[in-house]
Amino acid sequence: MRLPDAPQPPRSCLDLARSPTTTVDLDAMRAAAWHRHGVAALAVEDITDPWLRQAVINEASRRWGRRHGGDQHGR
């Protein structure tokens, strides 16, 4: 039981009662990042053009290193 004026319990990313992020929520976060910060968050598997997909992979690998896990696209 909570008292009417009691503070809310602290929020944590470890809150196991919270449901996982939905695809719609994730897409909304990506749109907000683009509009507010100019940051584009793209899933590589969603890029249908092979040349553009490889260009994105190359740039991300150059900046942050190769991925560990996931599909290796042709390897």
Protein backbone atom coordinates (compact mmCIF):
# COMPACT_ATOMS: atom_id res chain seq x y z
CA MET A 1 0.00 0.00 0.00
CA ARG A 2 1.27 3.47 -0.95
CA LEU A 3 0.47 6.67 0.83
CA PRO A 4 -1.17 9.29 -1.42
CA ASP A 5 1.73 11.78 -1.30
CA ALA A 6 4.56 9.25 -1.15
CA PRO A 7 7.31 9.61 -3.76
CA GLN A 8 7.43 7.20 -6.68
CA PRO A 9 9.87 4.29 -6.31
CA PRO A 10 13.15 4.81 -8.18
CA ARG A 11 13.27 3.72 -11.83
CA SER A 12 15.96 1.38 -13.02
CA CYS A 13 16.94 -0.33 -16.26
CA LEU A 14 17.05 -3.48 -14.13
CA ASP A 15 13.29 -3.27 -13.49
CA LEU A 16 12.18 -6.78 -14.41
CA ALA A 17 8.49 -5.86 -14.32
CA ARG A 18 8.88 -3.64 -17.38
CA SER A 19 7.98 -5.16 -20.73
CA PRO A 20 10.54 -5.23 -23.55
CA THR A 21 10.68 -2.39 -26.06
CA THR A 22 8.33 -2.95 -28.99
CA THR A 23 9.22 -2.42 -32.65
CA VAL A 24 6.97 0.64 -32.73
CA ASP A 25 8.69 2.13 -29.65
CA LEU A 26 12.12 1.44 -31.10
CA ASP A 27 11.18 3.10 -34.38
CA ALA A 28 9.88 6.14 -32.47
CA MET A 29 13.20 6.39 -30.59
CA ARG A 30 15.11 6.19 -33.89
CA ALA A 31 12.93 8.96 -35.37
CA ALA A 32 13.47 11.15 -32.30
CA ALA A 33 17.25 10.64 -32.48
CA TRP A 34 17.18 11.69 -36.14
CA HIS A 35 15.02 14.77 -35.60
CA ARG A 36 16.65 15.98 -32.39
CA HIS A 37 20.29 15.04 -32.88
CA GLY A 38 20.80 14.22 -36.55
CA VAL A 39 21.69 10.63 -35.63
CA ALA A 40 20.41 7.87 -37.93
CA ALA A 41 20.03 4.44 -36.32
CA LEU A 42 19.58 1.90 -39.11
CA ALA A 43 19.39 -1.86 -38.85
CA VAL A 44 21.81 -3.19 -41.46
CA GLU A 45 19.46 -6.01 -42.44
CA ASP A 46 16.77 -3.41 -43.27
CA ILE A 47 18.94 -1.78 -45.97
CA THR A 48 17.91 -3.50 -49.20
CA ASP A 49 20.49 -1.98 -51.57
CA PRO A 50 23.63 -4.19 -51.35
CA TRP A 51 26.04 -1.37 -52.21
CA LEU A 52 24.56 1.00 -49.62
CA ARG A 53 24.40 -1.76 -46.98
CA GLN A 54 28.09 -2.54 -47.49
CA ALA A 55 28.98 1.17 -47.36
CA VAL A 56 27.19 1.48 -44.00
CA ILE A 57 28.92 -1.65 -42.68
CA ASN A 58 32.30 -0.36 -43.83
CA GLU A 59 31.84 3.04 -42.17
CA ALA A 60 30.58 1.55 -38.90
CA SER A 61 33.49 -0.93 -38.88
CA ARG A 62 35.96 1.87 -39.52
CA ARG A 63 34.59 3.95 -36.65
CA TRP A 64 33.81 1.33 -34.01
CA GLY A 65 35.49 -1.91 -35.13
CA ARG A 66 34.06 -5.10 -36.54
CA ARG A 67 30.93 -6.64 -35.06
CA HIS A 68 31.20 -9.65 -32.80
CA GLY A 69 28.33 -11.97 -33.61
CA GLY A 70 25.33 -11.57 -35.85
CA ASP A 71 25.35 -12.28 -39.55
CA GLN A 72 28.68 -11.91 -41.27
CA HIS A 73 27.12 -11.18 -44.71
CA GLY A 74 29.05 -13.43 -47.06
CA ARG A 75 31.75 -14.63 -44.67
